[in-house]
Amino acid sequence: MQTKLTLRLDDWLIRKAKRFSKKTGKSVSKIVADYFEKLDAPLSDETEKITPKVASLKGILKASGVAEEEYHRHLEEKHL
């Protein structure tokens, strides 16, 4: 099941993502999804390692105290 995700980013970063999207022929959603897939993938070599800053974000929402169902409900109300 696919679910909509809203990201708040600086304008320059959005423009950069759209240029990359056009250059690669992938949608911005696909680029983000591919990146998120790599977050839990085992690191097979040096080129696939994520930065320490990104690694520090893994699991951050689990400690937020917000139940997944509650977050989904919020998204549905926000986008309907």
C-alpha atoms as a PDB file:
ATOM      1  CA  MET A   1       0.000   0.000   0.000  1.00  0.00           C
ATOM      2  CA  GLN A   2       1.358   3.399  -0.902  1.00  0.00           C
ATOM      3  CA  THR A   3       0.850   6.348   1.422  1.00  0.00           C
ATOM      4  CA  LYS A   4       1.450  10.003   0.766  1.00  0.00           C
ATOM      5  CA  LEU A   5       4.324  11.644   2.645  1.00  0.00           C
ATOM      6  CA  THR A   6       4.782  15.394   2.906  1.00  0.00           C
ATOM      7  CA  LEU A   7       8.336  16.706   3.187  1.00  0.00           C
ATOM      8  CA  ARG A   8       9.177  20.292   4.031  1.00  0.00           C
ATOM      9  CA  LEU A   9      12.400  21.307   2.291  1.00  0.00           C
ATOM     10  CA  ASP A  10      14.157  24.494   1.307  1.00  0.00           C
ATOM     11  CA  ASP A  11      13.239  25.780  -2.157  1.00  0.00           C
ATOM     12  CA  TRP A  12      16.785  25.332  -3.456  1.00  0.00           C
ATOM     13  CA  LEU A  13      16.796  21.690  -2.402  1.00  0.00           C
ATOM     14  CA  ILE A  14      13.484  21.028  -4.139  1.00  0.00           C
ATOM     15  CA  ARG A  15      14.819  22.622  -7.339  1.00  0.00           C
ATOM     16  CA  LYS A  16      17.948  20.493  -7.070  1.00  0.00           C
ATOM     17  CA  ALA A  17      15.879  17.316  -6.568  1.00  0.00           C
ATOM     18  CA  LYS A  18      13.702  18.141  -9.584  1.00  0.00           C
ATOM     19  CA  ARG A  19      16.778  18.736 -11.772  1.00  0.00           C
ATOM     20  CA  PHE A  20      18.212  15.403 -10.654  1.00  0.00           C
ATOM     21  CA  SER A  21      14.841  13.767 -11.309  1.00  0.00           C
ATOM     22  CA  LYS A  22      14.737  15.115 -14.833  1.00  0.00           C
ATOM     23  CA  LYS A  23      18.344  14.118 -15.502  1.00  0.00           C
ATOM     24  CA  THR A  24      17.857  10.538 -14.265  1.00  0.00           C
ATOM     25  CA  GLY A  25      14.315  10.003 -15.545  1.00  0.00           C
ATOM     26  CA  LYS A  26      13.126   9.014 -12.058  1.00  0.00           C
ATOM     27  CA  SER A  27      10.374  10.777 -10.143  1.00  0.00           C
ATOM     28  CA  VAL A  28      11.355  12.593  -6.960  1.00  0.00           C
ATOM     29  CA  SER A  29       9.166  10.102  -5.065  1.00  0.00           C
ATOM     30  CA  LYS A  30      11.130   7.187  -6.556  1.00  0.00           C
ATOM     31  CA  ILE A  31      14.446   8.832  -5.681  1.00  0.00           C
ATOM     32  CA  VAL A  32      13.338   9.344  -2.070  1.00  0.00           C
ATOM     33  CA  ALA A  33      11.927   5.801  -1.859  1.00  0.00           C
ATOM     34  CA  ASP A  34      15.189   4.346  -3.204  1.00  0.00           C
ATOM     35  CA  TYR A  35      17.125   6.324  -0.616  1.00  0.00           C
ATOM     36  CA  PHE A  36      14.858   5.224   2.229  1.00  0.00           C
ATOM     37  CA  GLU A  37      15.279   1.597   1.124  1.00  0.00           C
ATOM     38  CA  LYS A  38      19.018   1.961   1.634  1.00  0.00           C
ATOM     39  CA  LEU A  39      18.604   3.072   5.246  1.00  0.00           C
ATOM     40  CA  ASP A  40      17.899  -0.484   6.426  1.00  0.00           C
ATOM     41  CA  ALA A  41      20.006  -2.288   3.844  1.00  0.00           C
ATOM     42  CA  PRO A  42      23.161  -3.985   5.070  1.00  0.00           C
ATOM     43  CA  LEU A  43      26.274  -2.033   4.166  1.00  0.00           C
ATOM     44  CA  SER A  44      28.079  -4.108   1.567  1.00  0.00           C
ATOM     45  CA  ASP A  45      30.916  -1.749   0.725  1.00  0.00           C
ATOM     46  CA  GLU A  46      32.305   1.711   1.365  1.00  0.00           C
ATOM     47  CA  THR A  47      30.168   3.375  -1.364  1.00  0.00           C
ATOM     48  CA  GLU A  48      26.887   2.408   0.315  1.00  0.00           C
ATOM     49  CA  LYS A  49      27.651   3.724   3.799  1.00  0.00           C
ATOM     50  CA  ILE A  50      25.365   6.470   5.011  1.00  0.00           C
ATOM     51  CA  THR A  51      26.737   9.533   6.735  1.00  0.00           C
ATOM     52  CA  PRO A  52      26.809   9.695  10.527  1.00  0.00           C
ATOM     53  CA  LYS A  53      24.247  12.509  10.459  1.00  0.00           C
ATOM     54  CA  VAL A  54      21.772  10.405   8.470  1.00  0.00           C
ATOM     55  CA  ALA A  55      22.506   7.337  10.582  1.00  0.00           C
ATOM     56  CA  SER A  56      21.631   9.343  13.687  1.00  0.00           C
ATOM     57  CA  LEU A  57      18.115   9.882  12.312  1.00  0.00           C
ATOM     58  CA  LYS A  58      17.302   6.170  12.106  1.00  0.00           C
ATOM     59  CA  GLY A  59      14.590   5.274  14.593  1.00  0.00           C
ATOM     60  CA  ILE A  60      14.090   8.842  15.782  1.00  0.00           C
ATOM     61  CA  LEU A  61      10.314   8.678  15.361  1.00  0.00           C
ATOM     62  CA  LYS A  62      10.033   5.592  17.541  1.00  0.00           C
ATOM     63  CA  ALA A  63      11.081   7.691  20.527  1.00  0.00           C
ATOM     64  CA  SER A  64       8.581  10.448  19.712  1.00  0.00           C
ATOM     65  CA  GLY A  65       5.752   8.792  21.626  1.00  0.00           C
ATOM     66  CA  VAL A  66       3.402   9.085  18.624  1.00  0.00           C
ATOM     67  CA  ALA A  67       1.682   5.842  17.662  1.00  0.00           C
ATOM     68  CA  GLU A  68       1.916   4.896  14.000  1.00  0.00           C
ATOM     69  CA  GLU A  69      -1.877   4.719  13.713  1.00  0.00           C
ATOM     70  CA  GLU A  70      -2.166   8.212  15.162  1.00  0.00           C
ATOM     71  CA  TYR A  71       0.329   9.545  12.627  1.00  0.00           C
ATOM     72  CA  HIS A  72      -1.535   7.855   9.755  1.00  0.00           C
ATOM     73  CA  ARG A  73      -4.810   9.384  10.988  1.00  0.00           C
ATOM     74  CA  HIS A  74      -3.139  12.818  11.076  1.00  0.00           C
ATOM     75  CA  LEU A  75      -1.965  12.405   7.482  1.00  0.00           C
ATOM     76  CA  GLU A  76      -5.378  11.298   6.287  1.00  0.00           C
ATOM     77  CA  GLU A  77      -7.064  14.283   7.934  1.00  0.00           C
ATOM     78  CA  LYS A  78      -4.454  16.649   6.592  1.00  0.00           C
ATOM     79  CA  HIS A  79      -4.634  15.445   2.993  1.00  0.00           C
ATOM     80  CA  LEU A  80      -8.331  14.722   2.604  1.00  0.00           C
END
